[in-house]
Amino acid sequence: MTSEWSPGTLSLTRRFHLAVRRIRGFDARRPLVWDLLLTGVLALAALADLIGARWKLTAHGTDVPGWLPWLVSAGFVLPAAWRRRRPLAVMCVLAVPGFVDSWTGIALEAGAIRMAVLYGVAVRRPWPELVWASALAAAQITVSAVRWPEGDFERQLVPYLMTCAVMVLAGIAVRTRRDYTASLLERARQLEVERDQQARLATAAERARIAREMHDIIGHHLSVITGLADGGSYAARKNPERATQALEAIGDTSREALGELRKLLGMLRDATADLAPQPALADLGQLLGRVREAGLPVRVTTSGRGGELSPGLQLAVYRIVQEALTNTLKHAGPGARAEVTIGYAPHGVDLGITDTAGSGTTSGSPDGPDGGQGIPGMRQRAALYGGTLDAGPLPSGGWRVHVHLPAERSGQQ
C-alpha cells in the first residue's frame, strides 16, 4: 500500500512541508550545526564585502585603518553562532561593532545580522527585553544618520526604523502562532487525559454496579436456599411432604438465580443481546413468596401507586427490599418476623423494612463481625438516585431500615 507521504503521491506543497519538517527535526536534534552553518554563510558574505575593499562603494567614510573593517566584520559575524540561544546577549555584544560601524561610517553589509538577532529576541524573549533590543538597534541607526547626514534626515532614518519594525512584527507573529499551536497541543493532551480519566471512572462505576447486582442476586438466593434447606431437613423427620416441597422450592430458587446470573453475564458479553428485563415492582410478590417459603414471615403494607416510576428506580426499590430481607434471613435468627412498608407519593418513594430479633440474637444487623456489605450496598444504590438511607437497631430488638428515593419518572432523563 502506498504511504500518504510517499514521493509518488505528494503534491508540491506537501513536499515543501515535508522538507521543512525534516529540516526542523534536524535543527531540533543538532541546533549547533545549523547555527555554525549560518555563521559560515555570513562569514562568506562578509569576506565578499571585504575582499577588494568593496565595502568602500557603500561606505560613508573610507578614511579608516585597513584592519578596522576586518575587525568590525568579525565582531558582527562571530557572535551569530549564539543568536538563538542568547539573543539579547548577542544583541548587546553586536552593539559594540555596531556603534563603531555607525560612527566611522564603514556601513558594512555584515551589520544586517542585527536585524536577524532582533527577530530572534521578538520570537524567544519577554517583552521588556524586546523593548531594550529594539531601542539598541534604533540607537545604532540614529548614530549613523546623525554622524553621516546625507540629504533628508527622515529619508535616511525612517527606512532603517521601518526595517526594525518589520522584523519585530514578524517575530511577534511567529511567536503568537507558536504559542497558539502549543496551547492547542496542550489542550489536546488535557482532553486525552480527561478522556482516559472518564473511561476509568466509567469502568469503576460499571464494576461497582455489577458487584452490587452480583451481591444482591447471589446473596439473596443463597440465603433463601439455606433457609429452605434448614427447614426441609427439619421437616424430613416429621413431614416428608413438606421436605419435598422445600426441595422443589430450592430447585426453583436455584434456577431463578442461574437465570438472573446468565442475564447479567450475557449483558457483559454482548451489550446488544436480547435480554429479559430486570426485576421491577411487579416482581415483589414473587420475591416475598420466596422469603416466606424460606421461613421468614413478612407483612407488606403499600400506599399509593408506583407504576409510573422509571425502570431504574423500580429496580432500586426491588433490590433494596431484597437486600434488607436477605439480611434478616441471615442475621435475625429463627423466629424473626419482618414488615415492609412502601409509600408511593409524587415526591418519591419511602421504604421501611423492620424485623424482630429471633431467638439467639439481638439484632438483624447486616454489618456484624462477618464484615457484611448489606448497609453500604443499599446506601450506594439509594445514592445513585439521590436518595437517603437510615439504618439501625430498634430499642426492643431487631433492625430497621428506612429509605427515601426522590421521584424519577420514566419520561425523565
Protein backbone atom coordinates (compact mmCIF):
# COMPACT_ATOMS: atom_id res chain seq x y z
CA MET A 1 0.00 0.00 0.00
CA THR A 2 1.35 3.45 -0.92
CA SER A 3 2.00 5.70 2.05
CA GLU A 4 0.28 9.07 2.20
CA TRP A 5 3.70 10.69 2.37
CA SER A 6 5.38 8.62 -0.34
CA PRO A 7 7.13 10.69 -3.07
CA GLY A 8 4.82 9.39 -5.78
CA THR A 9 1.68 10.81 -4.18
CA LEU A 10 2.94 14.09 -2.74
CA SER A 11 1.92 17.40 -4.22
CA LEU A 12 4.43 20.23 -4.47
CA THR A 13 3.02 21.89 -1.35
CA ARG A 14 3.20 18.67 0.68
CA ARG A 15 6.74 18.06 -0.47
CA PHE A 16 7.67 21.53 0.66
CA HIS A 17 6.07 20.99 4.09
CA LEU A 18 7.75 17.62 4.40
CA ALA A 19 11.13 19.17 3.61
CA VAL A 20 10.54 21.94 6.16
CA ARG A 21 9.53 19.36 8.77
CA ARG A 22 12.71 17.38 8.15
CA ILE A 23 14.87 20.49 8.39
CA ARG A 24 13.18 21.47 11.65
CA GLY A 25 13.65 17.98 13.01
CA PHE A 26 17.34 18.05 12.16
CA ASP A 27 17.65 21.51 13.71
CA ALA A 28 15.94 20.33 16.90
CA ARG A 29 18.35 17.40 17.19
CA ARG A 30 21.52 19.33 16.30
CA PRO A 31 20.94 23.08 16.78
CA LEU A 32 24.67 23.90 16.91
CA VAL A 33 25.21 22.53 13.39
CA TRP A 34 22.59 24.86 11.92
CA ASP A 35 23.93 27.85 13.86
CA LEU A 36 27.50 27.21 12.69
CA LEU A 37 26.28 26.75 9.12
CA LEU A 38 24.52 30.10 9.18
CA THR A 39 27.59 31.71 10.74
CA GLY A 40 29.71 30.30 7.91
CA VAL A 41 27.35 31.75 5.29
CA LEU A 42 27.55 35.17 6.98
CA ALA A 43 31.34 34.91 7.09
CA LEU A 44 31.46 34.25 3.33
CA ALA A 45 29.20 37.25 2.71
CA ALA A 46 31.44 39.42 4.89
CA LEU A 47 34.55 38.22 3.04
CA ALA A 48 32.93 39.08 -0.27
CA ASP A 49 32.37 42.59 1.05
CA LEU A 50 35.94 42.93 2.39
CA ILE A 51 37.99 41.42 -0.45
CA GLY A 52 38.93 44.09 -2.87
CA ALA A 53 37.64 46.78 -0.48
CA ARG A 54 34.15 46.55 -1.97
CA TRP A 55 32.76 47.99 1.25
CA LYS A 56 34.08 51.41 0.16
CA LEU A 57 31.41 51.52 -2.58
CA THR A 58 28.65 51.96 0.03
CA ALA A 59 30.61 53.41 2.96
CA HIS A 60 30.05 56.92 4.33
CA GLY A 61 33.64 57.22 5.46
CA THR A 62 36.60 55.48 3.91
CA ASP A 63 39.45 57.14 5.80
CA VAL A 64 39.86 54.34 8.32
CA PRO A 65 42.68 51.85 9.05
CA GLY A 66 42.63 48.84 6.75
CA TRP A 67 42.31 46.40 9.65
CA LEU A 68 39.22 48.07 11.14
CA PRO A 69 36.64 46.73 8.62
CA TRP A 70 38.01 43.21 9.20
CA LEU A 71 37.73 43.59 12.96
CA VAL A 72 34.22 45.05 12.78
CA SER A 73 33.11 42.28 10.41
CA ALA A 74 34.44 39.65 12.81
CA GLY A 75 32.54 41.39 15.61
CA PHE A 76 29.33 41.08 13.59
CA VAL A 77 29.78 37.50 12.36
CA LEU A 78 31.24 35.50 15.25
CA PRO A 79 28.51 36.15 17.88
CA ALA A 80 25.88 34.95 15.35
CA ALA A 81 26.54 31.35 16.41
CA TRP A 82 24.71 32.10 19.70
CA ARG A 83 21.93 34.23 18.22
CA ARG A 84 19.15 31.73 19.10
CA ARG A 85 20.39 30.56 22.48
CA ARG A 86 21.24 34.03 23.87
CA PRO A 87 19.57 36.55 21.54
CA LEU A 88 19.58 39.53 23.92
CA ALA A 89 23.20 38.91 24.98
CA VAL A 90 24.23 38.66 21.32
CA MET A 91 22.36 41.91 20.60
CA CYS A 92 24.34 43.64 23.33
CA VAL A 93 27.63 42.22 22.02
CA LEU A 94 26.77 43.35 18.49
CA ALA A 95 26.18 46.86 19.78
CA VAL A 96 29.98 47.36 20.14
CA PRO A 97 30.87 46.78 16.44
CA GLY A 98 27.52 48.33 15.52
CA PHE A 99 28.31 51.69 17.13
CA VAL A 100 31.85 51.57 15.70
CA ASP A 101 30.38 50.88 12.24
CA SER A 102 27.87 53.72 12.60
CA TRP A 103 30.37 56.28 13.94
CA THR A 104 33.16 55.54 11.46
CA GLY A 105 30.75 55.31 8.51
CA ILE A 106 32.08 51.96 7.28
CA ALA A 107 28.48 50.71 6.78
CA LEU A 108 29.41 47.05 6.35
CA GLU A 109 26.86 44.69 4.88
CA ALA A 110 27.51 42.30 7.79
CA GLY A 111 25.67 44.76 10.03
CA ALA A 112 22.38 43.33 8.70
CA ILE A 113 22.86 40.46 11.15
CA ARG A 114 21.44 42.83 13.78
CA MET A 115 18.01 42.53 12.16
CA ALA A 116 18.10 38.72 12.40
CA VAL A 117 19.09 38.90 16.06
CA LEU A 118 16.32 41.43 16.73
CA TYR A 119 13.88 38.99 15.13
CA GLY A 120 15.17 36.25 17.46
CA VAL A 121 14.59 38.45 20.50
CA ALA A 122 11.00 39.08 19.36
CA VAL A 123 10.41 35.34 18.92
CA ARG A 124 12.01 34.00 22.10
CA ARG A 125 12.39 36.64 24.79
CA PRO A 126 9.97 38.56 27.08
CA TRP A 127 8.52 41.92 26.11
CA PRO A 128 10.84 44.08 28.27
CA GLU A 129 13.90 42.52 26.61
CA LEU A 130 12.36 43.13 23.18
CA VAL A 131 11.91 46.83 24.02
CA TRP A 132 15.56 47.15 25.07
CA ALA A 133 16.80 45.29 21.98
CA SER A 134 14.68 47.49 19.67
CA ALA A 135 15.95 50.63 21.36
CA LEU A 136 19.55 49.42 21.00
CA ALA A 137 19.11 48.74 17.28
CA ALA A 138 17.39 52.10 16.71
CA ALA A 139 20.18 53.90 18.60
CA GLN A 140 22.87 52.49 16.29
CA ILE A 141 20.91 53.56 13.21
CA THR A 142 20.30 57.02 14.68
CA VAL A 143 24.00 57.50 15.38
CA SER A 144 24.80 56.72 11.73
CA ALA A 145 22.13 59.14 10.47
CA VAL A 146 23.35 61.95 12.76
CA ARG A 147 27.06 61.33 12.20
CA TRP A 148 26.82 60.97 8.42
CA PRO A 149 23.88 63.04 7.20
CA GLU A 150 23.13 62.60 3.53
CA GLY A 151 20.22 64.62 2.25
CA ASP A 152 16.91 64.46 4.09
CA PHE A 153 17.38 63.18 7.65
CA GLU A 154 13.98 61.46 7.72
CA ARG A 155 14.56 59.65 4.43
CA GLN A 156 17.85 58.35 5.75
CA LEU A 157 16.50 57.22 9.14
CA VAL A 158 12.93 56.07 8.51
CA PRO A 159 13.73 53.14 6.14
CA TYR A 160 16.03 51.57 8.74
CA LEU A 161 13.50 52.07 11.51
CA MET A 162 10.82 50.53 9.30
CA THR A 163 13.09 47.53 8.74
CA CYS A 164 13.44 47.13 12.52
CA ALA A 165 9.67 47.37 12.94
CA VAL A 166 9.06 44.75 10.25
CA MET A 167 11.48 42.32 11.91
CA VAL A 168 9.87 42.88 15.31
CA LEU A 169 6.36 42.38 13.92
CA ALA A 170 7.44 39.24 12.06
CA GLY A 171 8.95 37.84 15.25
CA ILE A 172 5.79 38.64 17.23
CA ALA A 173 3.63 36.95 14.58
CA VAL A 174 5.75 33.79 14.64
CA ARG A 175 5.78 33.80 18.45
CA THR A 176 2.00 34.20 18.61
CA ARG A 177 1.50 31.32 16.21
CA ARG A 178 3.88 29.11 18.18
CA ASP A 179 2.13 29.93 21.45
CA TYR A 180 -1.25 29.25 19.87
CA THR A 181 -0.07 25.92 18.47
CA ALA A 182 1.45 25.00 21.84
CA SER A 183 -1.84 25.84 23.57
CA LEU A 184 -3.75 23.65 21.11
CA LEU A 185 -1.36 20.76 21.71
CA GLU A 186 -1.65 21.20 25.48
CA ARG A 187 -5.43 21.34 25.21
CA ALA A 188 -5.40 18.15 23.13
CA ARG A 189 -3.19 16.49 25.74
CA GLN A 190 -5.53 17.58 28.52
CA LEU A 191 -8.53 16.26 26.58
CA GLU A 192 -6.79 12.90 26.17
CA VAL A 193 -6.07 12.79 29.90
CA GLU A 194 -9.68 13.74 30.72
CA ARG A 195 -10.94 11.11 28.27
CA ASP A 196 -8.82 8.44 29.91
CA GLN A 197 -9.96 9.56 33.36
CA GLN A 198 -13.61 9.47 32.30
CA ALA A 199 -13.09 5.99 30.88
CA ARG A 200 -11.52 4.81 34.12
CA LEU A 201 -14.33 6.37 36.17
CA ALA A 202 -16.95 4.77 33.93
CA THR A 203 -15.20 1.41 34.25
CA ALA A 204 -15.07 1.73 38.04
CA ALA A 205 -18.75 2.72 38.18
CA GLU A 206 -19.69 -0.23 35.98
CA ARG A 207 -17.67 -2.60 38.15
CA ALA A 208 -19.41 -1.27 41.26
CA ARG A 209 -22.83 -1.70 39.61
CA ILE A 210 -22.05 -5.26 38.55
CA ALA A 211 -20.71 -6.05 42.02
CA ARG A 212 -23.95 -4.78 43.58
CA GLU A 213 -26.06 -6.84 41.20
CA MET A 214 -23.98 -9.97 41.82
CA HIS A 215 -24.14 -9.42 45.57
CA ASP A 216 -27.91 -8.95 45.52
CA ILE A 217 -28.58 -11.94 43.25
CA ILE A 218 -26.24 -14.46 44.87
CA GLY A 219 -26.67 -13.27 48.46
CA HIS A 220 -30.45 -13.31 48.35
CA HIS A 221 -30.93 -16.62 46.58
CA LEU A 222 -28.33 -18.42 48.67
CA SER A 223 -29.93 -17.11 51.85
CA VAL A 224 -33.34 -18.37 50.67
CA ILE A 225 -31.83 -21.73 49.68
CA THR A 226 -30.15 -22.01 53.10
CA GLY A 227 -33.42 -21.29 54.88
CA LEU A 228 -35.30 -23.80 52.73
CA ALA A 229 -32.62 -26.43 53.26
CA ASP A 230 -32.68 -25.97 57.04
CA GLY A 231 -36.47 -26.13 57.09
CA GLY A 232 -36.51 -29.12 54.74
CA SER A 233 -34.04 -31.11 56.87
CA TYR A 234 -36.13 -30.42 59.96
CA ALA A 235 -39.40 -31.35 58.19
CA ALA A 236 -37.94 -34.54 56.67
CA ARG A 237 -38.11 -36.26 60.04
CA LYS A 238 -41.76 -35.39 60.69
CA ASN A 239 -43.40 -34.38 57.41
CA PRO A 240 -41.81 -35.82 54.23
CA GLU A 241 -44.29 -33.95 52.08
CA ARG A 242 -43.07 -30.60 53.43
CA ALA A 243 -39.48 -31.68 52.83
CA THR A 244 -40.35 -32.45 49.21
CA GLN A 245 -41.90 -29.01 48.84
CA ALA A 246 -38.76 -27.44 50.30
CA LEU A 247 -36.60 -29.32 47.80
CA GLU A 248 -38.80 -28.17 44.93
CA ALA A 249 -38.58 -24.59 46.20
CA ILE A 250 -34.78 -24.91 46.39
CA GLY A 251 -34.72 -26.05 42.75
CA ASP A 252 -36.95 -23.17 41.64
CA THR A 253 -34.84 -20.63 43.55
CA SER A 254 -31.61 -22.06 42.14
CA ARG A 255 -32.94 -21.92 38.58
CA GLU A 256 -34.08 -18.34 39.08
CA ALA A 257 -30.66 -17.38 40.44
CA LEU A 258 -28.96 -19.03 37.46
CA GLY A 259 -31.29 -17.22 35.08
CA GLU A 260 -30.51 -13.81 36.59
CA LEU A 261 -26.78 -14.56 36.54
CA ARG A 262 -27.00 -15.60 32.89
CA LYS A 263 -28.74 -12.33 32.08
CA LEU A 264 -26.07 -10.33 33.87
CA LEU A 265 -23.18 -12.23 32.28
CA GLY A 266 -24.86 -12.08 28.87
CA MET A 267 -25.06 -8.30 29.19
CA LEU A 268 -21.32 -8.21 29.90
CA ARG A 269 -20.52 -10.34 26.85
CA ASP A 270 -22.83 -8.56 24.42
CA ALA A 271 -24.46 -5.23 25.20
CA THR A 272 -26.86 -5.71 22.25
CA ALA A 273 -28.09 -9.11 23.37
CA ASP A 274 -31.84 -9.61 23.70
CA LEU A 275 -32.10 -9.81 27.48
CA ALA A 276 -35.12 -10.18 29.71
CA PRO A 277 -35.95 -7.05 31.72
CA GLN A 278 -34.51 -6.52 35.19
CA PRO A 279 -36.81 -7.09 38.19
CA ALA A 280 -39.43 -4.40 38.80
CA LEU A 281 -42.19 -3.62 41.28
CA ALA A 282 -44.40 -6.27 39.72
CA ASP A 283 -41.87 -8.91 40.83
CA LEU A 284 -42.02 -8.00 44.50
CA GLY A 285 -44.79 -10.58 45.12
CA GLN A 286 -42.58 -13.40 43.84
CA LEU A 287 -39.69 -12.14 45.95
CA LEU A 288 -41.80 -12.05 49.10
CA GLY A 289 -43.13 -15.53 48.31
CA ARG A 290 -39.61 -16.96 48.22
CA VAL A 291 -38.73 -15.25 51.51
CA ARG A 292 -41.84 -16.69 53.16
CA GLU A 293 -41.00 -20.15 51.82
CA ALA A 294 -37.56 -19.78 53.42
CA GLY A 295 -39.23 -19.41 56.80
CA LEU A 296 -39.44 -15.64 57.34
CA PRO A 297 -43.00 -14.32 57.81
CA VAL A 298 -43.31 -10.99 56.01
CA ARG A 299 -46.16 -8.48 56.15
CA VAL A 300 -46.41 -5.86 53.41
CA THR A 301 -48.17 -2.50 53.55
CA THR A 302 -48.40 -0.43 50.36
CA SER A 303 -49.83 3.05 49.79
CA GLY A 304 -50.01 5.00 46.56
CA ARG A 305 -49.15 3.83 43.05
CA GLY A 306 -45.67 3.10 41.77
CA GLY A 307 -46.40 2.02 38.21
CA GLU A 308 -45.16 5.33 36.74
CA LEU A 309 -41.71 5.05 38.30
CA SER A 310 -38.80 4.65 35.91
CA PRO A 311 -37.42 1.13 35.42
CA GLY A 312 -34.19 2.09 37.16
CA LEU A 313 -35.98 3.36 40.25
CA GLN A 314 -38.24 0.28 40.32
CA LEU A 315 -35.12 -1.92 40.22
CA ALA A 316 -33.64 0.09 43.10
CA VAL A 317 -36.79 -0.43 45.21
CA TYR A 318 -36.77 -4.14 44.40
CA ARG A 319 -33.08 -4.62 45.22
CA ILE A 320 -33.24 -2.67 48.48
CA VAL A 321 -36.20 -4.72 49.71
CA GLN A 322 -34.43 -7.88 48.55
CA GLU A 323 -31.20 -6.99 50.36
CA ALA A 324 -32.94 -5.94 53.58
CA LEU A 325 -34.95 -9.18 53.76
CA THR A 326 -31.86 -11.22 52.86
CA ASN A 327 -30.02 -9.62 55.78
CA THR A 328 -32.93 -10.50 58.05
CA LEU A 329 -32.76 -14.12 56.89
CA LYS A 330 -29.02 -14.23 57.59
CA HIS A 331 -28.79 -12.30 60.84
CA ALA A 332 -32.12 -12.10 62.66
CA GLY A 333 -32.24 -15.77 63.69
CA PRO A 334 -35.11 -18.28 63.94
CA GLY A 335 -38.49 -16.91 64.93
CA ALA A 336 -37.91 -13.44 63.46
CA ARG A 337 -40.65 -11.59 61.62
CA ALA A 338 -40.37 -8.77 59.07
CA GLU A 339 -42.60 -5.93 57.92
CA VAL A 340 -42.24 -3.98 54.68
CA THR A 341 -43.96 -0.63 54.12
CA ILE A 342 -43.86 1.05 50.72
CA GLY A 343 -45.27 4.52 50.29
CA TYR A 344 -45.53 5.98 46.78
CA ALA A 345 -46.02 9.74 46.58
CA PRO A 346 -45.46 12.48 43.97
CA HIS A 347 -42.23 13.47 45.72
CA GLY A 348 -40.76 9.96 45.67
CA VAL A 349 -40.80 6.60 47.39
CA ASP A 350 -40.46 5.84 51.11
CA LEU A 351 -39.38 2.34 52.11
CA GLY A 352 -39.44 0.89 55.59
CA ILE A 353 -38.18 -2.60 56.39
CA THR A 354 -38.21 -3.69 60.02
CA ASP A 355 -37.68 -7.04 61.65
CA THR A 356 -37.91 -8.50 65.11
CA ALA A 357 -34.98 -10.30 66.67
CA GLY A 358 -35.31 -14.06 66.62
CA SER A 359 -34.04 -16.46 69.22
CA GLY A 360 -30.31 -16.48 69.83
CA THR A 361 -29.63 -12.93 68.56
CA THR A 362 -30.48 -9.35 69.44
CA SER A 363 -30.27 -7.70 66.08
CA GLY A 364 -30.58 -8.27 62.40
CA SER A 365 -27.62 -6.04 61.63
CA PRO A 366 -26.10 -6.70 58.21
CA ASP A 367 -22.82 -5.17 59.34
CA GLY A 368 -21.82 -7.55 62.02
CA PRO A 369 -18.46 -9.16 62.72
CA ASP A 370 -18.55 -11.01 59.42
CA GLY A 371 -17.96 -7.73 57.59
CA GLY A 372 -21.21 -7.84 55.62
CA GLN A 373 -21.88 -5.33 52.84
CA GLY A 374 -25.64 -5.05 53.24
CA ILE A 375 -25.97 -1.49 54.52
CA PRO A 376 -23.17 0.00 52.32
CA GLY A 377 -24.64 -1.68 49.25
CA MET A 378 -28.14 -0.34 49.90
CA ARG A 379 -26.78 3.12 50.69
CA GLN A 380 -24.82 3.22 47.42
CA ARG A 381 -27.86 2.12 45.44
CA ALA A 382 -30.01 4.80 47.08
CA ALA A 383 -27.35 7.45 46.49
CA LEU A 384 -27.38 6.70 42.75
CA TYR A 385 -30.89 8.16 42.62
CA GLY A 386 -30.25 11.00 45.06
CA GLY A 387 -31.86 9.10 47.93
CA THR A 388 -31.02 8.68 51.60
CA LEU A 389 -30.87 5.61 53.84
CA ASP A 390 -31.07 5.33 57.62
CA ALA A 391 -30.48 2.03 59.36
CA GLY A 392 -30.02 0.94 62.94
CA PRO A 393 -31.18 -1.35 65.73
CA LEU A 394 -34.57 -0.97 67.37
CA PRO A 395 -34.81 -0.41 71.15
CA SER A 396 -36.95 -3.51 71.54
CA GLY A 397 -34.59 -5.64 69.46
CA GLY A 398 -34.44 -6.17 65.74
CA TRP A 399 -33.43 -3.85 62.95
CA ARG A 400 -34.95 -1.00 60.96
CA VAL A 401 -34.09 0.30 57.51
CA HIS A 402 -35.68 3.46 56.12
CA VAL A 403 -35.03 4.69 52.57
CA HIS A 404 -36.28 7.75 50.72
CA LEU A 405 -35.87 7.87 46.94
CA PRO A 406 -36.84 11.09 45.10
CA ALA A 407 -39.29 10.69 42.24
CA GLU A 408 -37.79 9.97 38.83
CA ARG A 409 -40.43 9.41 36.22
CA SER A 410 -39.78 7.12 33.29
CA GLY A 411 -40.03 10.01 30.84
CA GLN A 412 -37.24 11.95 32.51
CA GLN A 413 -33.52 11.68 31.91
